[in-house]
Amino acid sequence: MADENKIDEEFESEIYTLTDENGEENQFELIGTTELDGSTYMAMTPVNEETDEYVILKLTKDENGEEILETIEDDDEFDRVADVFDDMFFSEEDYDN
């Protein structure tokens, strides 16, 4: 029975409540994490929407040392990270369809 609980814990979704620039809160499920060039990036999908799309946020620290998630402003940085996540989530078969 203890092994069953361990398996359940491994597959539990990580849900984050994020506040957008308008002060609205939305829930997102973490679907992937990667490190690139010394930074950590998180791919998330909205909890209440049926979509194949996901958002990518960068894990940084604010002036108080607290971890925060930020949008990626640099287009080149975003493209590099998006390529890594696309490789993680989609196989070559997906591109052929």
N, C-alpha and C. Protein backbone atom coordinates (compact mmCIF):
# COMPACT_ATOMS: atom_id res chain seq x y z
N MET A 1 0.82 -1.19 0.00
CA MET A 1 0.00 0.00 0.00
C MET A 1 0.86 1.25 0.00
N ALA A 2 1.99 1.24 0.70
CA ALA A 2 2.87 2.41 0.73
C ALA A 2 3.42 2.69 -0.66
N ASP A 3 3.68 1.63 -1.45
CA ASP A 3 4.19 1.83 -2.80
C ASP A 3 3.15 2.53 -3.68
N GLU A 4 1.87 2.21 -3.50
CA GLU A 4 0.82 2.87 -4.28
C GLU A 4 0.79 4.36 -4.00
N ASN A 5 0.94 4.76 -2.74
CA ASN A 5 0.96 6.17 -2.39
C ASN A 5 2.15 6.87 -3.02
N LYS A 6 3.29 6.20 -3.05
CA LYS A 6 4.48 6.80 -3.63
C LYS A 6 4.26 7.05 -5.13
N ILE A 7 3.66 6.09 -5.81
CA ILE A 7 3.39 6.24 -7.23
C ILE A 7 2.43 7.40 -7.47
N ASP A 8 1.37 7.51 -6.67
CA ASP A 8 0.41 8.60 -6.80
C ASP A 8 1.10 9.95 -6.62
N GLU A 9 2.01 10.04 -5.66
CA GLU A 9 2.72 11.30 -5.41
C GLU A 9 3.59 11.68 -6.60
N GLU A 10 4.19 10.70 -7.25
CA GLU A 10 5.05 10.98 -8.38
C GLU A 10 4.28 11.58 -9.55
N PHE A 11 3.01 11.22 -9.68
CA PHE A 11 2.22 11.67 -10.82
C PHE A 11 1.27 12.81 -10.50
N GLU A 12 1.34 13.35 -9.30
CA GLU A 12 0.50 14.48 -8.95
C GLU A 12 0.91 15.69 -9.77
N SER A 13 -0.09 16.43 -10.21
CA SER A 13 0.17 17.65 -10.98
C SER A 13 0.62 18.76 -10.04
N GLU A 14 1.52 19.58 -10.56
CA GLU A 14 1.91 20.78 -9.84
C GLU A 14 1.09 21.92 -10.41
N ILE A 15 0.24 22.51 -9.57
CA ILE A 15 -0.63 23.60 -9.99
C ILE A 15 -0.11 24.89 -9.37
N TYR A 16 0.00 25.92 -10.21
CA TYR A 16 0.46 27.23 -9.77
C TYR A 16 -0.65 28.25 -10.02
N THR A 17 -0.86 29.13 -9.07
CA THR A 17 -1.77 30.25 -9.27
C THR A 17 -0.92 31.46 -9.60
N LEU A 18 -1.10 31.97 -10.81
CA LEU A 18 -0.29 33.09 -11.29
C LEU A 18 -1.17 34.33 -11.44
N THR A 19 -0.60 35.47 -11.14
CA THR A 19 -1.31 36.74 -11.27
C THR A 19 -0.75 37.47 -12.48
N ASP A 20 -1.66 37.84 -13.41
CA ASP A 20 -1.20 38.54 -14.61
C ASP A 20 -1.06 40.03 -14.36
N GLU A 21 -0.67 40.77 -15.40
CA GLU A 21 -0.41 42.21 -15.26
C GLU A 21 -1.67 43.00 -14.91
N ASN A 22 -2.86 42.39 -15.10
CA ASN A 22 -4.12 43.05 -14.75
C ASN A 22 -4.59 42.69 -13.34
N GLY A 23 -3.81 41.90 -12.64
CA GLY A 23 -4.16 41.50 -11.28
C GLY A 23 -5.09 40.30 -11.22
N GLU A 24 -5.38 39.67 -12.37
CA GLU A 24 -6.25 38.51 -12.39
C GLU A 24 -5.45 37.24 -12.12
N GLU A 25 -6.02 36.35 -11.30
CA GLU A 25 -5.37 35.11 -10.97
C GLU A 25 -5.86 33.99 -11.87
N ASN A 26 -4.94 33.16 -12.34
CA ASN A 26 -5.26 32.01 -13.17
C ASN A 26 -4.43 30.83 -12.71
N GLN A 27 -4.99 29.63 -12.84
CA GLN A 27 -4.26 28.44 -12.44
C GLN A 27 -3.64 27.77 -13.66
N PHE A 28 -2.38 27.34 -13.48
CA PHE A 28 -1.63 26.68 -14.54
C PHE A 28 -1.03 25.39 -14.00
N GLU A 29 -0.97 24.39 -14.86
CA GLU A 29 -0.35 23.12 -14.51
C GLU A 29 1.05 23.08 -15.12
N LEU A 30 2.03 22.73 -14.32
CA LEU A 30 3.40 22.58 -14.79
C LEU A 30 3.49 21.32 -15.63
N ILE A 31 3.95 21.46 -16.88
CA ILE A 31 4.08 20.29 -17.75
C ILE A 31 5.52 19.98 -18.11
N GLY A 32 6.44 20.88 -17.78
CA GLY A 32 7.84 20.62 -18.07
C GLY A 32 8.75 21.71 -17.53
N THR A 33 9.98 21.33 -17.25
CA THR A 33 10.99 22.26 -16.77
C THR A 33 12.29 21.95 -17.50
N THR A 34 13.04 23.00 -17.81
CA THR A 34 14.34 22.79 -18.43
C THR A 34 15.29 23.89 -17.99
N GLU A 35 16.57 23.59 -18.05
CA GLU A 35 17.59 24.59 -17.78
C GLU A 35 18.35 24.84 -19.08
N LEU A 36 18.62 26.12 -19.34
CA LEU A 36 19.33 26.50 -20.54
C LEU A 36 20.14 27.75 -20.24
N ASP A 37 21.40 27.71 -20.55
CA ASP A 37 22.30 28.85 -20.33
C ASP A 37 22.25 29.38 -18.90
N GLY A 38 22.13 28.46 -17.93
CA GLY A 38 22.15 28.84 -16.51
C GLY A 38 20.83 29.35 -15.95
N SER A 39 19.77 29.32 -16.75
CA SER A 39 18.46 29.77 -16.28
C SER A 39 17.48 28.61 -16.32
N THR A 40 16.47 28.67 -15.46
CA THR A 40 15.43 27.65 -15.40
C THR A 40 14.16 28.19 -16.04
N TYR A 41 13.56 27.36 -16.88
CA TYR A 41 12.33 27.72 -17.59
C TYR A 41 11.26 26.69 -17.29
N MET A 42 10.01 27.15 -17.21
CA MET A 42 8.90 26.26 -16.90
C MET A 42 7.83 26.40 -17.98
N ALA A 43 7.36 25.26 -18.48
CA ALA A 43 6.26 25.24 -19.44
C ALA A 43 4.99 24.89 -18.68
N MET A 44 3.95 25.69 -18.91
CA MET A 44 2.69 25.51 -18.18
C MET A 44 1.51 25.63 -19.13
N THR A 45 0.45 24.94 -18.78
CA THR A 45 -0.78 25.01 -19.54
C THR A 45 -1.91 25.42 -18.60
N PRO A 46 -2.87 26.22 -19.09
CA PRO A 46 -3.98 26.66 -18.24
C PRO A 46 -4.79 25.45 -17.76
N VAL A 47 -5.17 25.45 -16.49
CA VAL A 47 -5.92 24.34 -15.90
C VAL A 47 -7.34 24.27 -16.46
N ASN A 48 -7.99 25.39 -16.64
CA ASN A 48 -9.41 25.40 -17.01
C ASN A 48 -9.66 25.48 -18.50
N GLU A 49 -8.65 25.25 -19.32
CA GLU A 49 -8.83 25.32 -20.77
C GLU A 49 -8.33 24.04 -21.42
N GLU A 50 -9.05 23.58 -22.42
CA GLU A 50 -8.61 22.44 -23.22
C GLU A 50 -7.81 23.00 -24.39
N THR A 51 -6.50 22.89 -24.32
CA THR A 51 -5.65 23.44 -25.37
C THR A 51 -4.36 22.65 -25.46
N ASP A 52 -3.79 22.64 -26.65
CA ASP A 52 -2.48 22.03 -26.85
C ASP A 52 -1.37 23.05 -26.68
N GLU A 53 -1.74 24.31 -26.50
CA GLU A 53 -0.75 25.37 -26.36
C GLU A 53 -0.30 25.47 -24.90
N TYR A 54 0.89 26.01 -24.73
CA TYR A 54 1.43 26.20 -23.39
C TYR A 54 2.20 27.51 -23.34
N VAL A 55 2.39 28.00 -22.11
CA VAL A 55 3.18 29.21 -21.92
C VAL A 55 4.53 28.82 -21.34
N ILE A 56 5.54 29.63 -21.62
CA ILE A 56 6.88 29.41 -21.08
C ILE A 56 7.24 30.61 -20.23
N LEU A 57 7.64 30.33 -18.99
CA LEU A 57 8.02 31.38 -18.06
C LEU A 57 9.43 31.12 -17.55
N LYS A 58 10.12 32.19 -17.22
CA LYS A 58 11.50 32.10 -16.72
C LYS A 58 11.48 32.27 -15.21
N LEU A 59 12.18 31.39 -14.50
CA LEU A 59 12.29 31.47 -13.05
C LEU A 59 13.43 32.41 -12.70
N THR A 60 13.10 33.50 -12.02
CA THR A 60 14.12 34.48 -11.61
C THR A 60 13.89 34.81 -10.14
N LYS A 61 14.68 35.72 -9.63
CA LYS A 61 14.52 36.19 -8.24
C LYS A 61 14.27 37.68 -8.26
N ASP A 62 13.39 38.12 -7.35
CA ASP A 62 13.13 39.55 -7.25
C ASP A 62 14.17 40.20 -6.34
N GLU A 63 14.00 41.48 -6.07
CA GLU A 63 14.98 42.22 -5.27
C GLU A 63 15.11 41.71 -3.84
N ASN A 64 14.10 40.94 -3.37
CA ASN A 64 14.14 40.38 -2.02
C ASN A 64 14.67 38.94 -2.01
N GLY A 65 15.06 38.45 -3.18
CA GLY A 65 15.57 37.08 -3.25
C GLY A 65 14.48 36.03 -3.38
N GLU A 66 13.23 36.45 -3.54
CA GLU A 66 12.12 35.52 -3.69
C GLU A 66 12.04 35.06 -5.14
N GLU A 67 11.78 33.76 -5.35
CA GLU A 67 11.65 33.25 -6.70
C GLU A 67 10.34 33.73 -7.32
N ILE A 68 10.42 34.20 -8.57
CA ILE A 68 9.24 34.64 -9.30
C ILE A 68 9.31 34.09 -10.73
N LEU A 69 8.17 34.02 -11.38
CA LEU A 69 8.11 33.61 -12.77
C LEU A 69 7.82 34.82 -13.62
N GLU A 70 8.60 34.97 -14.69
CA GLU A 70 8.45 36.13 -15.57
C GLU A 70 8.30 35.68 -17.02
N THR A 71 7.63 36.52 -17.80
CA THR A 71 7.58 36.25 -19.23
C THR A 71 8.95 36.53 -19.83
N ILE A 72 9.23 35.90 -20.95
CA ILE A 72 10.51 36.06 -21.61
C ILE A 72 10.35 37.17 -22.64
N GLU A 73 11.04 38.27 -22.44
CA GLU A 73 10.92 39.44 -23.31
C GLU A 73 11.77 39.34 -24.57
N ASP A 74 12.92 38.68 -24.48
CA ASP A 74 13.85 38.58 -25.60
C ASP A 74 13.38 37.49 -26.57
N ASP A 75 13.13 37.86 -27.82
CA ASP A 75 12.61 36.92 -28.81
C ASP A 75 13.57 35.76 -29.09
N ASP A 76 14.87 36.04 -29.17
CA ASP A 76 15.85 34.99 -29.43
C ASP A 76 15.90 33.98 -28.28
N GLU A 77 15.88 34.49 -27.05
CA GLU A 77 15.88 33.62 -25.87
C GLU A 77 14.62 32.75 -25.88
N PHE A 78 13.47 33.37 -26.16
CA PHE A 78 12.22 32.62 -26.18
C PHE A 78 12.25 31.52 -27.23
N ASP A 79 12.74 31.84 -28.43
CA ASP A 79 12.80 30.85 -29.51
C ASP A 79 13.68 29.66 -29.14
N ARG A 80 14.83 29.93 -28.51
CA ARG A 80 15.73 28.83 -28.09
C ARG A 80 15.05 27.92 -27.08
N VAL A 81 14.37 28.52 -26.10
CA VAL A 81 13.71 27.74 -25.06
C VAL A 81 12.51 26.99 -25.65
N ALA A 82 11.74 27.64 -26.51
CA ALA A 82 10.58 27.00 -27.13
C ALA A 82 11.01 25.79 -27.94
N ASP A 83 12.15 25.87 -28.63
CA ASP A 83 12.65 24.73 -29.39
C ASP A 83 12.95 23.55 -28.48
N VAL A 84 13.52 23.82 -27.31
CA VAL A 84 13.82 22.74 -26.35
C VAL A 84 12.53 22.08 -25.89
N PHE A 85 11.53 22.88 -25.52
CA PHE A 85 10.26 22.30 -25.06
C PHE A 85 9.54 21.58 -26.19
N ASP A 86 9.56 22.12 -27.39
CA ASP A 86 8.92 21.44 -28.52
C ASP A 86 9.55 20.06 -28.73
N ASP A 87 10.87 19.98 -28.62
CA ASP A 87 11.55 18.69 -28.75
C ASP A 87 11.13 17.73 -27.64
N MET A 88 10.88 18.26 -26.45
CA MET A 88 10.46 17.43 -25.32
C MET A 88 9.04 16.91 -25.51
N PHE A 89 8.16 17.75 -26.02
CA PHE A 89 6.73 17.43 -26.05
C PHE A 89 6.25 16.78 -27.34
N PHE A 90 6.93 17.05 -28.44
CA PHE A 90 6.44 16.57 -29.73
C PHE A 90 7.51 15.74 -30.43
N SER A 91 7.08 14.61 -30.96
CA SER A 91 8.01 13.77 -31.71
C SER A 91 7.97 14.18 -33.18
N GLU A 92 8.88 13.64 -33.96
CA GLU A 92 8.90 13.95 -35.40
C GLU A 92 7.61 13.51 -36.06
N GLU A 93 6.97 12.44 -35.54
CA GLU A 93 5.71 11.97 -36.10
C GLU A 93 4.64 13.05 -35.99
N ASP A 94 4.65 13.81 -34.90
CA ASP A 94 3.67 14.89 -34.71
C ASP A 94 3.81 15.95 -35.77
N TYR A 95 5.03 16.23 -36.22
CA TYR A 95 5.26 17.27 -37.22
C TYR A 95 4.79 16.82 -38.61
N ASP A 96 4.78 15.51 -38.86
CA ASP A 96 4.42 15.00 -40.17
C ASP A 96 2.92 15.08 -40.45
N ASN A 97 2.10 15.18 -39.43
CA ASN A 97 0.65 15.18 -39.61
C ASN A 97 0.13 16.51 -40.05
